[in-house]
Amino acid sequence: MVKFIKAGKVVVILQGRYAGKKAVVVRNHDEGTKDRPYGYAVVAGVERTPLKVTKAMGKKKVAKRSKVKPFVKIINYNHMMPTRYGLELEQIKGTISADTFKEPSQREDSKKVIKKLFEERYQTGKNKWFFSKLRF
């Protein structure tokens, strides 16, 4: 079977709390591990997308509406749908390690770094489609 879920691939989460949300694969494990005997991926995604901004809004309001809420999660391959899109994520890869999921404080730290990276990418106008809400 061809391995097409690779790091950088944008996926849509199908099951659970983040169902219908977009995420990007940070690290993939096709064969699984001893404690997780199934194919899975570590993903970083957008839980809450930025809101619409107009010219009439002030700087303070624009800053507040441009915030992104990220999530970091380990997800089974059966619970995500790959898209044809990719996202370059050199900085994100370094923030998430194997120990990130062992302690909640480490997960919070990695979420803060990812939030900063996502907001920076949103402000520069790169990958606008990634930060838009899925309509279906």
N, C-alpha and C. Protein backbone atom coordinates (compact mmCIF):
# COMPACT_ATOMS: atom_id res chain seq x y z
N MET A 1 0.84 -1.19 0.00
CA MET A 1 0.00 0.00 0.00
C MET A 1 0.88 1.25 0.00
N VAL A 2 0.47 2.26 -0.73
CA VAL A 2 1.23 3.50 -0.83
C VAL A 2 1.03 4.34 0.42
N LYS A 3 2.13 4.85 0.95
CA LYS A 3 2.06 5.71 2.14
C LYS A 3 1.91 7.15 1.68
N PHE A 4 0.73 7.71 1.81
CA PHE A 4 0.50 9.07 1.33
C PHE A 4 0.26 10.08 2.45
N ILE A 5 0.09 9.61 3.68
CA ILE A 5 -0.06 10.54 4.79
C ILE A 5 1.34 10.81 5.34
N LYS A 6 1.91 11.91 4.88
CA LYS A 6 3.26 12.29 5.28
C LYS A 6 3.22 13.62 6.03
N ALA A 7 4.33 13.96 6.67
CA ALA A 7 4.42 15.23 7.39
C ALA A 7 4.19 16.38 6.41
N GLY A 8 3.36 17.32 6.82
CA GLY A 8 3.05 18.48 5.98
C GLY A 8 1.74 18.35 5.24
N LYS A 9 1.14 17.18 5.22
CA LYS A 9 -0.13 16.95 4.53
C LYS A 9 -1.27 17.52 5.38
N VAL A 10 -2.18 18.26 4.74
CA VAL A 10 -3.34 18.81 5.43
C VAL A 10 -4.43 17.74 5.44
N VAL A 11 -5.03 17.51 6.61
CA VAL A 11 -6.09 16.51 6.77
C VAL A 11 -7.31 17.15 7.43
N VAL A 12 -8.45 16.49 7.26
CA VAL A 12 -9.68 16.91 7.94
C VAL A 12 -9.98 15.84 8.97
N ILE A 13 -10.18 16.24 10.21
CA ILE A 13 -10.48 15.31 11.29
C ILE A 13 -11.94 14.89 11.17
N LEU A 14 -12.20 13.58 11.26
CA LEU A 14 -13.55 13.07 11.05
C LEU A 14 -14.28 12.67 12.33
N GLN A 15 -13.55 12.30 13.36
CA GLN A 15 -14.18 11.79 14.58
C GLN A 15 -13.72 12.58 15.80
N GLY A 16 -14.56 12.61 16.82
CA GLY A 16 -14.18 13.18 18.10
C GLY A 16 -14.45 14.66 18.25
N ARG A 17 -13.80 15.23 19.24
CA ARG A 17 -14.01 16.63 19.61
C ARG A 17 -13.69 17.60 18.47
N TYR A 18 -12.70 17.27 17.66
CA TYR A 18 -12.26 18.17 16.60
C TYR A 18 -12.78 17.75 15.22
N ALA A 19 -13.87 17.02 15.18
CA ALA A 19 -14.46 16.56 13.92
C ALA A 19 -14.80 17.76 13.04
N GLY A 20 -14.41 17.70 11.78
CA GLY A 20 -14.68 18.77 10.84
C GLY A 20 -13.64 19.87 10.85
N LYS A 21 -12.58 19.72 11.64
CA LYS A 21 -11.53 20.74 11.72
C LYS A 21 -10.35 20.34 10.84
N LYS A 22 -9.66 21.36 10.32
CA LYS A 22 -8.47 21.12 9.51
C LYS A 22 -7.26 20.99 10.42
N ALA A 23 -6.34 20.14 10.00
CA ALA A 23 -5.09 19.95 10.76
C ALA A 23 -3.98 19.60 9.78
N VAL A 24 -2.76 19.76 10.23
CA VAL A 24 -1.60 19.40 9.41
C VAL A 24 -0.83 18.30 10.14
N VAL A 25 -0.40 17.28 9.40
CA VAL A 25 0.33 16.16 9.98
C VAL A 25 1.74 16.62 10.31
N VAL A 26 2.14 16.45 11.57
CA VAL A 26 3.48 16.84 12.01
C VAL A 26 4.41 15.64 11.94
N ARG A 27 3.93 14.50 12.43
CA ARG A 27 4.73 13.28 12.43
C ARG A 27 3.81 12.11 12.18
N ASN A 28 4.21 11.18 11.31
CA ASN A 28 3.36 10.03 11.03
C ASN A 28 4.03 8.73 11.47
N HIS A 29 3.21 7.78 11.91
CA HIS A 29 3.67 6.46 12.35
C HIS A 29 2.79 5.44 11.63
N ASP A 30 3.23 4.97 10.47
CA ASP A 30 2.41 4.07 9.66
C ASP A 30 2.20 2.71 10.32
N GLU A 31 3.24 2.20 10.97
CA GLU A 31 3.15 0.86 11.57
C GLU A 31 2.62 0.88 12.99
N GLY A 32 2.59 2.03 13.62
CA GLY A 32 2.16 2.12 14.99
C GLY A 32 3.32 1.84 15.94
N THR A 33 3.03 1.76 17.23
CA THR A 33 4.04 1.46 18.23
C THR A 33 3.51 0.37 19.15
N LYS A 34 4.29 0.03 20.16
CA LYS A 34 3.87 -1.03 21.09
C LYS A 34 2.61 -0.64 21.86
N ASP A 35 2.55 0.61 22.34
CA ASP A 35 1.37 1.05 23.09
C ASP A 35 0.22 1.49 22.19
N ARG A 36 0.51 1.82 20.93
CA ARG A 36 -0.54 2.17 19.95
C ARG A 36 -0.35 1.28 18.72
N PRO A 37 -0.96 0.08 18.72
CA PRO A 37 -0.71 -0.87 17.62
C PRO A 37 -1.54 -0.58 16.35
N TYR A 38 -1.63 0.66 15.94
CA TYR A 38 -2.35 1.05 14.74
C TYR A 38 -1.64 2.25 14.12
N GLY A 39 -1.89 2.49 12.85
CA GLY A 39 -1.28 3.65 12.18
C GLY A 39 -1.88 4.93 12.71
N TYR A 40 -1.03 5.86 13.09
CA TYR A 40 -1.52 7.12 13.62
C TYR A 40 -0.59 8.26 13.24
N ALA A 41 -1.05 9.48 13.48
CA ALA A 41 -0.26 10.67 13.18
C ALA A 41 -0.43 11.69 14.29
N VAL A 42 0.64 12.45 14.51
CA VAL A 42 0.57 13.59 15.43
C VAL A 42 0.18 14.78 14.57
N VAL A 43 -0.91 15.44 14.91
CA VAL A 43 -1.39 16.57 14.10
C VAL A 43 -1.49 17.84 14.92
N ALA A 44 -1.33 18.97 14.23
CA ALA A 44 -1.54 20.29 14.82
C ALA A 44 -2.59 20.96 13.94
N GLY A 45 -3.67 21.43 14.56
CA GLY A 45 -4.76 21.97 13.77
C GLY A 45 -5.34 23.24 14.34
N VAL A 46 -6.36 23.74 13.63
CA VAL A 46 -7.03 24.98 14.01
C VAL A 46 -8.37 24.63 14.64
N GLU A 47 -8.47 24.87 15.97
CA GLU A 47 -9.73 24.60 16.67
C GLU A 47 -10.72 25.72 16.42
N ARG A 48 -10.25 26.98 16.51
CA ARG A 48 -11.12 28.13 16.26
C ARG A 48 -10.46 29.03 15.23
N THR A 49 -11.14 29.25 14.11
CA THR A 49 -10.59 30.06 13.03
C THR A 49 -10.75 31.55 13.33
N PRO A 50 -9.92 32.40 12.70
CA PRO A 50 -10.07 33.85 12.89
C PRO A 50 -11.39 34.33 12.29
N LEU A 51 -11.92 35.41 12.86
CA LEU A 51 -13.19 35.96 12.40
C LEU A 51 -12.97 36.96 11.26
N LYS A 52 -14.06 37.33 10.60
CA LYS A 52 -14.00 38.27 9.48
C LYS A 52 -13.61 39.66 9.97
N VAL A 53 -12.77 40.33 9.17
CA VAL A 53 -12.29 41.67 9.52
C VAL A 53 -12.66 42.63 8.40
N THR A 54 -13.14 43.85 8.77
CA THR A 54 -13.47 44.87 7.77
C THR A 54 -12.61 46.12 7.99
N LYS A 55 -12.63 47.01 7.02
CA LYS A 55 -11.83 48.25 7.08
C LYS A 55 -12.27 49.16 8.23
N ALA A 56 -13.54 49.14 8.53
CA ALA A 56 -14.09 50.04 9.56
C ALA A 56 -13.62 49.69 10.98
N MET A 57 -13.12 48.50 11.18
CA MET A 57 -12.70 48.07 12.52
C MET A 57 -11.37 48.69 12.92
N GLY A 58 -11.24 48.98 14.21
CA GLY A 58 -9.99 49.53 14.73
C GLY A 58 -8.93 48.46 14.91
N LYS A 59 -7.71 48.90 15.22
CA LYS A 59 -6.58 47.97 15.37
C LYS A 59 -6.81 46.95 16.48
N LYS A 60 -7.37 47.42 17.59
CA LYS A 60 -7.60 46.55 18.74
C LYS A 60 -8.59 45.42 18.40
N LYS A 61 -9.66 45.80 17.71
CA LYS A 61 -10.69 44.83 17.33
C LYS A 61 -10.15 43.85 16.29
N VAL A 62 -9.35 44.36 15.34
CA VAL A 62 -8.76 43.51 14.31
C VAL A 62 -7.82 42.49 14.96
N ALA A 63 -7.01 42.95 15.92
CA ALA A 63 -6.08 42.06 16.62
C ALA A 63 -6.83 40.95 17.36
N LYS A 64 -7.94 41.32 17.99
CA LYS A 64 -8.73 40.34 18.75
C LYS A 64 -9.39 39.32 17.83
N ARG A 65 -9.88 39.78 16.68
CA ARG A 65 -10.58 38.89 15.74
C ARG A 65 -9.63 38.04 14.92
N SER A 66 -8.34 38.37 14.92
CA SER A 66 -7.36 37.63 14.12
C SER A 66 -6.68 36.51 14.91
N LYS A 67 -7.18 36.22 16.08
CA LYS A 67 -6.57 35.17 16.90
C LYS A 67 -6.96 33.77 16.40
N VAL A 68 -6.04 32.84 16.54
CA VAL A 68 -6.25 31.45 16.14
C VAL A 68 -6.11 30.58 17.38
N LYS A 69 -6.99 29.60 17.55
CA LYS A 69 -6.85 28.66 18.67
C LYS A 69 -6.43 27.31 18.09
N PRO A 70 -5.22 26.87 18.42
CA PRO A 70 -4.74 25.60 17.86
C PRO A 70 -5.02 24.40 18.76
N PHE A 71 -4.82 23.20 18.21
CA PHE A 71 -4.84 21.99 19.02
C PHE A 71 -3.74 21.05 18.53
N VAL A 72 -3.28 20.20 19.45
CA VAL A 72 -2.26 19.20 19.13
C VAL A 72 -2.80 17.87 19.60
N LYS A 73 -2.77 16.87 18.73
CA LYS A 73 -3.41 15.61 19.07
C LYS A 73 -2.79 14.44 18.30
N ILE A 74 -2.89 13.25 18.90
CA ILE A 74 -2.52 12.01 18.21
C ILE A 74 -3.81 11.42 17.68
N ILE A 75 -3.86 11.15 16.37
CA ILE A 75 -5.10 10.68 15.76
C ILE A 75 -4.86 9.45 14.88
N ASN A 76 -5.75 8.48 15.03
CA ASN A 76 -5.74 7.27 14.23
C ASN A 76 -5.98 7.63 12.76
N TYR A 77 -5.31 6.92 11.84
CA TYR A 77 -5.49 7.18 10.41
C TYR A 77 -6.95 7.02 9.97
N ASN A 78 -7.68 6.12 10.61
CA ASN A 78 -9.08 5.89 10.24
C ASN A 78 -9.97 7.09 10.56
N HIS A 79 -9.49 7.99 11.41
CA HIS A 79 -10.30 9.12 11.85
C HIS A 79 -9.90 10.43 11.19
N MET A 80 -9.18 10.35 10.08
CA MET A 80 -8.85 11.57 9.34
C MET A 80 -8.89 11.33 7.85
N MET A 81 -9.21 12.40 7.12
CA MET A 81 -9.29 12.33 5.67
C MET A 81 -8.24 13.25 5.07
N PRO A 82 -7.29 12.70 4.32
CA PRO A 82 -6.25 13.54 3.73
C PRO A 82 -6.81 14.41 2.60
N THR A 83 -6.25 15.59 2.43
CA THR A 83 -6.62 16.46 1.33
C THR A 83 -5.45 16.51 0.35
N ARG A 84 -5.62 17.19 -0.75
CA ARG A 84 -4.52 17.28 -1.73
C ARG A 84 -3.53 18.37 -1.36
N TYR A 85 -3.83 19.12 -0.31
CA TYR A 85 -3.01 20.26 0.07
C TYR A 85 -1.87 19.88 1.01
N GLY A 86 -0.84 20.70 0.99
CA GLY A 86 0.29 20.53 1.89
C GLY A 86 0.62 21.85 2.55
N LEU A 87 1.38 21.79 3.62
CA LEU A 87 1.76 22.98 4.37
C LEU A 87 3.19 22.78 4.83
N GLU A 88 4.09 23.70 4.51
CA GLU A 88 5.47 23.56 4.98
C GLU A 88 5.51 23.94 6.47
N LEU A 89 6.15 23.09 7.26
CA LEU A 89 6.04 23.26 8.71
C LEU A 89 7.35 22.97 9.42
N GLU A 90 8.42 23.56 8.98
CA GLU A 90 9.72 23.31 9.60
C GLU A 90 9.76 23.70 11.07
N GLN A 91 9.13 24.83 11.43
CA GLN A 91 9.17 25.28 12.82
C GLN A 91 8.29 24.42 13.73
N ILE A 92 7.17 23.95 13.22
CA ILE A 92 6.23 23.18 14.03
C ILE A 92 6.84 21.84 14.44
N LYS A 93 7.59 21.24 13.52
CA LYS A 93 8.20 19.93 13.78
C LYS A 93 9.07 19.93 15.03
N GLY A 94 9.81 21.01 15.23
CA GLY A 94 10.71 21.11 16.38
C GLY A 94 10.00 21.26 17.71
N THR A 95 8.79 21.80 17.70
CA THR A 95 8.08 22.06 18.96
C THR A 95 7.41 20.82 19.54
N ILE A 96 7.04 19.88 18.68
CA ILE A 96 6.34 18.69 19.15
C ILE A 96 7.29 17.50 19.15
N SER A 97 7.47 16.90 20.33
CA SER A 97 8.32 15.72 20.45
C SER A 97 7.52 14.57 21.05
N ALA A 98 8.18 13.45 21.32
CA ALA A 98 7.49 12.29 21.89
C ALA A 98 7.00 12.56 23.31
N ASP A 99 7.73 13.41 24.06
CA ASP A 99 7.34 13.68 25.45
C ASP A 99 6.23 14.72 25.57
N THR A 100 5.90 15.39 24.49
CA THR A 100 4.90 16.45 24.53
C THR A 100 3.57 15.96 25.12
N PHE A 101 3.22 14.71 24.87
CA PHE A 101 1.92 14.20 25.28
C PHE A 101 1.96 13.53 26.66
N LYS A 102 3.14 13.44 27.25
CA LYS A 102 3.24 12.80 28.57
C LYS A 102 2.78 13.73 29.70
N GLU A 103 3.01 15.02 29.53
CA GLU A 103 2.64 15.97 30.58
C GLU A 103 1.84 17.14 30.00
N PRO A 104 0.73 17.51 30.65
CA PRO A 104 -0.11 18.59 30.13
C PRO A 104 0.60 19.94 29.99
N SER A 105 1.55 20.24 30.88
CA SER A 105 2.26 21.53 30.81
C SER A 105 3.09 21.63 29.53
N GLN A 106 3.68 20.51 29.11
CA GLN A 106 4.47 20.51 27.87
C GLN A 106 3.56 20.68 26.65
N ARG A 107 2.37 20.10 26.73
CA ARG A 107 1.41 20.24 25.63
C ARG A 107 0.98 21.70 25.51
N GLU A 108 0.76 22.36 26.65
CA GLU A 108 0.37 23.77 26.65
C GLU A 108 1.46 24.63 26.04
N ASP A 109 2.72 24.34 26.38
CA ASP A 109 3.84 25.10 25.83
C ASP A 109 3.92 24.95 24.32
N SER A 110 3.75 23.72 23.83
CA SER A 110 3.81 23.50 22.38
C SER A 110 2.63 24.16 21.68
N LYS A 111 1.46 24.19 22.35
CA LYS A 111 0.29 24.87 21.77
C LYS A 111 0.53 26.36 21.62
N LYS A 112 1.20 26.97 22.62
CA LYS A 112 1.50 28.40 22.56
C LYS A 112 2.42 28.72 21.40
N VAL A 113 3.43 27.88 21.18
CA VAL A 113 4.37 28.09 20.07
C VAL A 113 3.64 27.94 18.74
N ILE A 114 2.79 26.92 18.63
CA ILE A 114 2.03 26.68 17.40
C ILE A 114 1.06 27.82 17.14
N LYS A 115 0.43 28.34 18.20
CA LYS A 115 -0.48 29.48 18.07
C LYS A 115 0.24 30.67 17.46
N LYS A 116 1.44 30.95 17.96
CA LYS A 116 2.24 32.06 17.46
C LYS A 116 2.58 31.86 15.97
N LEU A 117 2.97 30.63 15.61
CA LEU A 117 3.33 30.34 14.22
C LEU A 117 2.11 30.45 13.29
N PHE A 118 0.97 29.91 13.74
CA PHE A 118 -0.25 29.97 12.94
C PHE A 118 -0.70 31.42 12.74
N GLU A 119 -0.68 32.22 13.82
CA GLU A 119 -1.11 33.62 13.72
C GLU A 119 -0.19 34.42 12.82
N GLU A 120 1.10 34.15 12.91
CA GLU A 120 2.08 34.82 12.05
C GLU A 120 1.81 34.49 10.58
N ARG A 121 1.53 33.22 10.33
CA ARG A 121 1.24 32.77 8.96
C ARG A 121 -0.07 33.38 8.45
N TYR A 122 -1.06 33.52 9.33
CA TYR A 122 -2.34 34.11 8.96
C TYR A 122 -2.18 35.59 8.63
N GLN A 123 -1.38 36.31 9.44
CA GLN A 123 -1.19 37.74 9.24
C GLN A 123 -0.46 38.04 7.93
N THR A 124 0.49 37.19 7.57
CA THR A 124 1.25 37.42 6.33
C THR A 124 0.43 37.05 5.09
N GLY A 125 -0.69 36.35 5.31
CA GLY A 125 -1.55 36.00 4.17
C GLY A 125 -1.20 34.68 3.52
N LYS A 126 -0.28 33.93 4.12
CA LYS A 126 0.09 32.62 3.57
C LYS A 126 -0.99 31.61 3.97
N ASN A 127 -1.33 30.72 3.04
CA ASN A 127 -2.28 29.64 3.30
C ASN A 127 -3.59 30.11 3.92
N LYS A 128 -4.23 31.12 3.32
CA LYS A 128 -5.50 31.66 3.81
C LYS A 128 -6.56 30.57 3.92
N TRP A 129 -6.57 29.63 2.98
CA TRP A 129 -7.56 28.55 2.96
C TRP A 129 -7.49 27.68 4.20
N PHE A 130 -6.29 27.56 4.80
CA PHE A 130 -6.13 26.72 5.99
C PHE A 130 -6.85 27.32 7.19
N PHE A 131 -6.96 28.65 7.23
CA PHE A 131 -7.55 29.34 8.37
C PHE A 131 -9.01 29.70 8.14
N SER A 132 -9.60 29.23 7.05
CA SER A 132 -11.01 29.48 6.81
C SER A 132 -11.83 28.30 7.33
N LYS A 133 -13.06 28.57 7.70
CA LYS A 133 -13.94 27.55 8.24
C LYS A 133 -14.37 26.60 7.13
N LEU A 134 -14.51 25.32 7.46
CA LEU A 134 -15.00 24.35 6.47
C LEU A 134 -16.50 24.48 6.36
N ARG A 135 -16.99 24.65 5.15
CA ARG A 135 -18.44 24.76 4.92
C ARG A 135 -18.93 23.51 4.20
N PHE A 136 -19.83 22.79 4.83
CA PHE A 136 -20.43 21.62 4.16
C PHE A 136 -21.76 21.25 4.78
